[in-house]
C-alpha atoms as a PDB file:
ATOM      1  CA  UNK A   1      -4.567   4.876 -27.349  1.00  0.00           C
ATOM      2  CA  UNK A   2      -1.779   7.195 -26.009  1.00  0.00           C
ATOM      3  CA  UNK A   3       0.775   5.080 -27.777  1.00  0.00           C
ATOM      4  CA  UNK A   4      -0.796   6.109 -31.111  1.00  0.00           C
ATOM      5  CA  UNK A   5      -0.434   9.737 -30.252  1.00  0.00           C
ATOM      6  CA  UNK A   6       2.818  11.658 -30.704  1.00  0.00           C
ATOM      7  CA  UNK A   7       4.605  13.285 -27.796  1.00  0.00           C
ATOM      8  CA  UNK A   8       3.324  16.724 -29.076  1.00  0.00           C
ATOM      9  CA  UNK A   9      -0.257  15.425 -29.326  1.00  0.00           C
ATOM     10  CA  UNK A  10      -0.101  14.033 -25.787  1.00  0.00           C
ATOM     11  CA  UNK A  11       1.346  17.152 -24.416  1.00  0.00           C
ATOM     12  CA  UNK A  12      -1.304  19.287 -26.112  1.00  0.00           C
ATOM     13  CA  UNK A  13      -3.940  17.182 -24.527  1.00  0.00           C
ATOM     14  CA  UNK A  14      -2.447  17.589 -21.110  1.00  0.00           C
ATOM     15  CA  UNK A  15      -2.211  21.351 -21.587  1.00  0.00           C
ATOM     16  CA  UNK A  16      -5.810  21.391 -22.679  1.00  0.00           C
ATOM     17  CA  UNK A  17      -6.829  19.411 -19.558  1.00  0.00           C
ATOM     18  CA  UNK A  18      -5.058  21.782 -17.263  1.00  0.00           C
ATOM     19  CA  UNK A  19      -6.410  24.828 -19.133  1.00  0.00           C
ATOM     20  CA  UNK A  20      -9.959  23.959 -18.195  1.00  0.00           C
ATOM     21  CA  UNK A  21     -11.760  26.414 -15.848  1.00  0.00           C
ATOM     22  CA  UNK A  22     -13.284  23.828 -13.538  1.00  0.00           C
ATOM     23  CA  UNK A  23     -11.763  20.391 -14.039  1.00  0.00           C
ATOM     24  CA  UNK A  24     -13.816  18.870 -11.268  1.00  0.00           C
ATOM     25  CA  UNK A  25     -17.088  19.976 -12.838  1.00  0.00           C
ATOM     26  CA  UNK A  26     -16.040  18.891 -16.258  1.00  0.00           C
ATOM     27  CA  UNK A  27     -15.013  15.534 -14.766  1.00  0.00           C
ATOM     28  CA  UNK A  28     -18.409  15.139 -13.051  1.00  0.00           C
ATOM     29  CA  UNK A  29     -20.332  16.092 -16.269  1.00  0.00           C
ATOM     30  CA  UNK A  30     -18.236  13.511 -18.267  1.00  0.00           C
ATOM     31  CA  UNK A  31     -18.962  10.793 -15.703  1.00  0.00           C
ATOM     32  CA  UNK A  32     -22.660  11.749 -15.847  1.00  0.00           C
ATOM     33  CA  UNK A  33     -22.714  11.133 -19.523  1.00  0.00           C
ATOM     34  CA  UNK A  34     -20.740   7.895 -19.217  1.00  0.00           C
ATOM     35  CA  UNK A  35     -22.593   6.535 -16.102  1.00  0.00           C
ATOM     36  CA  UNK A  36     -26.065   8.174 -15.975  1.00  0.00           C
ATOM     37  CA  UNK A  37     -27.429   5.679 -13.558  1.00  0.00           C
ATOM     38  CA  UNK A  38     -24.601   5.998 -10.946  1.00  0.00           C
ATOM     39  CA  UNK A  39     -25.393   8.104  -7.953  1.00  0.00           C
ATOM     40  CA  UNK A  40     -24.044  11.695  -7.972  1.00  0.00           C
ATOM     41  CA  UNK A  41     -21.861  10.927  -4.898  1.00  0.00           C
ATOM     42  CA  UNK A  42     -20.107   8.166  -6.911  1.00  0.00           C
ATOM     43  CA  UNK A  43     -19.491  10.341  -9.936  1.00  0.00           C
ATOM     44  CA  UNK A  44     -18.165  13.126  -7.693  1.00  0.00           C
ATOM     45  CA  UNK A  45     -15.681  10.721  -6.099  1.00  0.00           C
ATOM     46  CA  UNK A  46     -14.543   9.313  -9.416  1.00  0.00           C
ATOM     47  CA  UNK A  47     -14.079  12.886 -10.679  1.00  0.00           C
ATOM     48  CA  UNK A  48     -12.048  13.740  -7.596  1.00  0.00           C
ATOM     49  CA  UNK A  49      -9.724  10.768  -8.040  1.00  0.00           C
ATOM     50  CA  UNK A  50      -9.303  11.242 -11.746  1.00  0.00           C
ATOM     51  CA  UNK A  51      -9.639  14.985 -12.382  1.00  0.00           C
ATOM     52  CA  UNK A  52      -9.311  16.961  -9.267  1.00  0.00           C
ATOM     53  CA  UNK A  53      -6.676  15.673  -6.890  1.00  0.00           C
ATOM     54  CA  UNK A  54      -5.527  12.979  -9.246  1.00  0.00           C
ATOM     55  CA  UNK A  55      -4.403  15.168 -11.993  1.00  0.00           C
ATOM     56  CA  UNK A  56      -2.608  17.483  -9.464  1.00  0.00           C
ATOM     57  CA  UNK A  57      -0.836  14.463  -8.003  1.00  0.00           C
ATOM     58  CA  UNK A  58       0.258  13.384 -11.419  1.00  0.00           C
ATOM     59  CA  UNK A  59       1.570  16.789 -12.209  1.00  0.00           C
ATOM     60  CA  UNK A  60       3.453  17.027  -8.909  1.00  0.00           C
ATOM     61  CA  UNK A  61       5.045  13.612  -9.632  1.00  0.00           C
ATOM     62  CA  UNK A  62       6.107  14.618 -13.118  1.00  0.00           C
ATOM     63  CA  UNK A  63       7.645  17.947 -11.851  1.00  0.00           C
ATOM     64  CA  UNK A  64       9.431  16.043  -9.070  1.00  0.00           C
ATOM     65  CA  UNK A  65      10.807  13.703 -11.736  1.00  0.00           C
ATOM     66  CA  UNK A  66      12.160  16.646 -13.747  1.00  0.00           C
ATOM     67  CA  UNK A  67      13.620  18.179 -10.569  1.00  0.00           C
ATOM     68  CA  UNK A  68      15.489  14.960  -9.999  1.00  0.00           C
ATOM     69  CA  UNK A  69      16.923  14.932 -13.500  1.00  0.00           C
ATOM     70  CA  UNK A  70      18.118  18.541 -13.032  1.00  0.00           C
ATOM     71  CA  UNK A  71      19.848  17.641  -9.760  1.00  0.00           C
ATOM     72  CA  UNK A  72      19.906  14.086  -8.445  1.00  0.00           C
ATOM     73  CA  UNK A  73      20.465  15.496  -4.972  1.00  0.00           C
ATOM     74  CA  UNK A  74      16.760  16.403  -5.122  1.00  0.00           C
ATOM     75  CA  UNK A  75      15.625  12.947  -4.100  1.00  0.00           C
ATOM     76  CA  UNK A  76      12.429  11.725  -5.509  1.00  0.00           C
ATOM     77  CA  UNK A  77       9.621  12.345  -3.111  1.00  0.00           C
ATOM     78  CA  UNK A  78       7.965   9.175  -1.965  1.00  0.00           C
ATOM     79  CA  UNK A  79       4.948  11.192  -0.756  1.00  0.00           C
ATOM     80  CA  UNK A  80       4.341  12.407  -4.292  1.00  0.00           C
ATOM     81  CA  UNK A  81       4.657   8.835  -5.654  1.00  0.00           C
ATOM     82  CA  UNK A  82       2.244   7.483  -2.972  1.00  0.00           C
ATOM     83  CA  UNK A  83      -0.179  10.354  -3.712  1.00  0.00           C
ATOM     84  CA  UNK A  84      -0.379   9.274  -7.410  1.00  0.00           C
ATOM     85  CA  UNK A  85      -0.722   5.656  -6.400  1.00  0.00           C
ATOM     86  CA  UNK A  86      -3.483   6.411  -3.978  1.00  0.00           C
ATOM     87  CA  UNK A  87      -5.626   8.116  -6.635  1.00  0.00           C
ATOM     88  CA  UNK A  88      -4.897   5.454  -9.349  1.00  0.00           C
ATOM     89  CA  UNK A  89      -5.577   2.623  -6.918  1.00  0.00           C
ATOM     90  CA  UNK A  90      -8.935   4.165  -5.845  1.00  0.00           C
ATOM     91  CA  UNK A  91      -9.973   4.971  -9.317  1.00  0.00           C
ATOM     92  CA  UNK A  92      -9.289   1.263 -10.362  1.00  0.00           C
ATOM     93  CA  UNK A  93     -11.284   0.066  -7.277  1.00  0.00           C
ATOM     94  CA  UNK A  94     -14.045   2.586  -7.934  1.00  0.00           C
ATOM     95  CA  UNK A  95     -14.176   1.937 -11.687  1.00  0.00           C
ATOM     96  CA  UNK A  96     -15.473  -1.635 -11.111  1.00  0.00           C
ATOM     97  CA  UNK A  97     -18.411  -0.180  -9.151  1.00  0.00           C
ATOM     98  CA  UNK A  98     -19.497   2.483 -11.632  1.00  0.00           C
ATOM     99  CA  UNK A  99     -21.015   0.572 -14.582  1.00  0.00           C
ATOM    100  CA  UNK A 100     -22.043  -2.815 -13.172  1.00  0.00           C
ATOM    101  CA  UNK A 101     -19.124  -4.421 -11.402  1.00  0.00           C
ATOM    102  CA  UNK A 102     -20.756  -4.682  -7.991  1.00  0.00           C
ATOM    103  CA  UNK A 103     -19.528  -8.084  -7.186  1.00  0.00           C
ATOM    104  CA  UNK A 104     -17.259  -6.973  -4.399  1.00  0.00           C
ATOM    105  CA  UNK A 105     -20.154  -5.199  -2.767  1.00  0.00           C
ATOM    106  CA  UNK A 106     -22.326  -8.244  -3.135  1.00  0.00           C
ATOM    107  CA  UNK A 107     -19.568 -10.289  -1.517  1.00  0.00           C
ATOM    108  CA  UNK A 108     -19.208  -7.794   1.446  1.00  0.00           C
ATOM    109  CA  UNK A 109     -23.075  -7.744   1.877  1.00  0.00           C
ATOM    110  CA  UNK A 110     -23.103 -11.522   2.023  1.00  0.00           C
ATOM    111  CA  UNK A 111     -20.399 -11.403   4.748  1.00  0.00           C
ATOM    112  CA  UNK A 112     -22.417  -8.737   6.601  1.00  0.00           C
ATOM    113  CA  UNK A 113     -25.535 -10.865   6.469  1.00  0.00           C
ATOM    114  CA  UNK A 114     -23.669 -13.930   7.875  1.00  0.00           C
ATOM    115  CA  UNK A 115     -22.227 -11.781  10.677  1.00  0.00           C
ATOM    116  CA  UNK A 116     -25.716 -10.472  11.608  1.00  0.00           C
ATOM    117  CA  UNK A 117     -26.947 -14.086  11.660  1.00  0.00           C
ATOM    118  CA  UNK A 118     -24.097 -14.961  13.906  1.00  0.00           C
ATOM    119  CA  UNK A 119     -24.535 -11.869  15.985  1.00  0.00           C
ATOM    120  CA  UNK A 120     -20.837 -10.985  15.718  1.00  0.00           C
ATOM    121  CA  UNK A 121     -20.927  -7.210  16.279  1.00  0.00           C
ATOM    122  CA  UNK A 122     -17.278  -6.627  15.795  1.00  0.00           C
ATOM    123  CA  UNK A 123     -17.360  -8.399  12.444  1.00  0.00           C
ATOM    124  CA  UNK A 124     -20.555  -6.457  11.569  1.00  0.00           C
ATOM    125  CA  UNK A 125     -18.706  -3.174  12.241  1.00  0.00           C
ATOM    126  CA  UNK A 126     -15.685  -4.239  10.172  1.00  0.00           C
ATOM    127  CA  UNK A 127     -17.875  -5.317   7.248  1.00  0.00           C
ATOM    128  CA  UNK A 128     -19.806  -2.101   7.410  1.00  0.00           C
ATOM    129  CA  UNK A 129     -16.557  -0.129   7.376  1.00  0.00           C
ATOM    130  CA  UNK A 130     -15.245  -2.156   4.378  1.00  0.00           C
ATOM    131  CA  UNK A 131     -18.473  -1.463   2.452  1.00  0.00           C
ATOM    132  CA  UNK A 132     -18.198   2.254   3.296  1.00  0.00           C
ATOM    133  CA  UNK A 133     -14.614   2.338   2.143  1.00  0.00           C
ATOM    134  CA  UNK A 134     -15.409   0.587  -1.185  1.00  0.00           C
ATOM    135  CA  UNK A 135     -18.358   2.970  -1.829  1.00  0.00           C
ATOM    136  CA  UNK A 136     -16.340   6.096  -0.968  1.00  0.00           C
ATOM    137  CA  UNK A 137     -13.305   4.803  -2.902  1.00  0.00           C
ATOM    138  CA  UNK A 138     -11.002   5.682  -0.028  1.00  0.00           C
ATOM    139  CA  UNK A 139      -8.738   2.583   0.184  1.00  0.00           C
ATOM    140  CA  UNK A 140      -5.022   2.546   0.911  1.00  0.00           C
ATOM    141  CA  UNK A 141      -3.051   0.766  -1.893  1.00  0.00           C
ATOM    142  CA  UNK A 142      -0.986  -2.201  -0.903  1.00  0.00           C
ATOM    143  CA  UNK A 143       2.499  -1.580   0.506  1.00  0.00           C
ATOM    144  CA  UNK A 144       5.511  -2.289  -1.684  1.00  0.00           C
ATOM    145  CA  UNK A 145       8.001  -2.903   1.067  1.00  0.00           C
END
């Protein structure tokens, strides 16, 4: 869709986005309308990654890119790049869980059941942690080394 919008239209939308009084609240309300059956904690996490910290991370990245153009001695900050990647990665992971894409959780729960049957306590702890990370959308994106 953004390819159909002019640069001026896209910049106007970005200005409107950052002009909102409470972007987090507005994001939570939009996710409530889009995913009324999702738990509030999931909608709040989605709003955080997309509208709260995610938008700030994107703005920091864009400002850093302009600083580099102004003076290439201002190296591009890898931390700012990673911060954007972190939120985008978690949003993509989380987006699959919001409407009905629960297959990854089903798979993890199947693993958990197997580990319980095998009485493998370390594997149970690891599976429980993996489930928690999926639900909280707090996963580290893959390294690009």
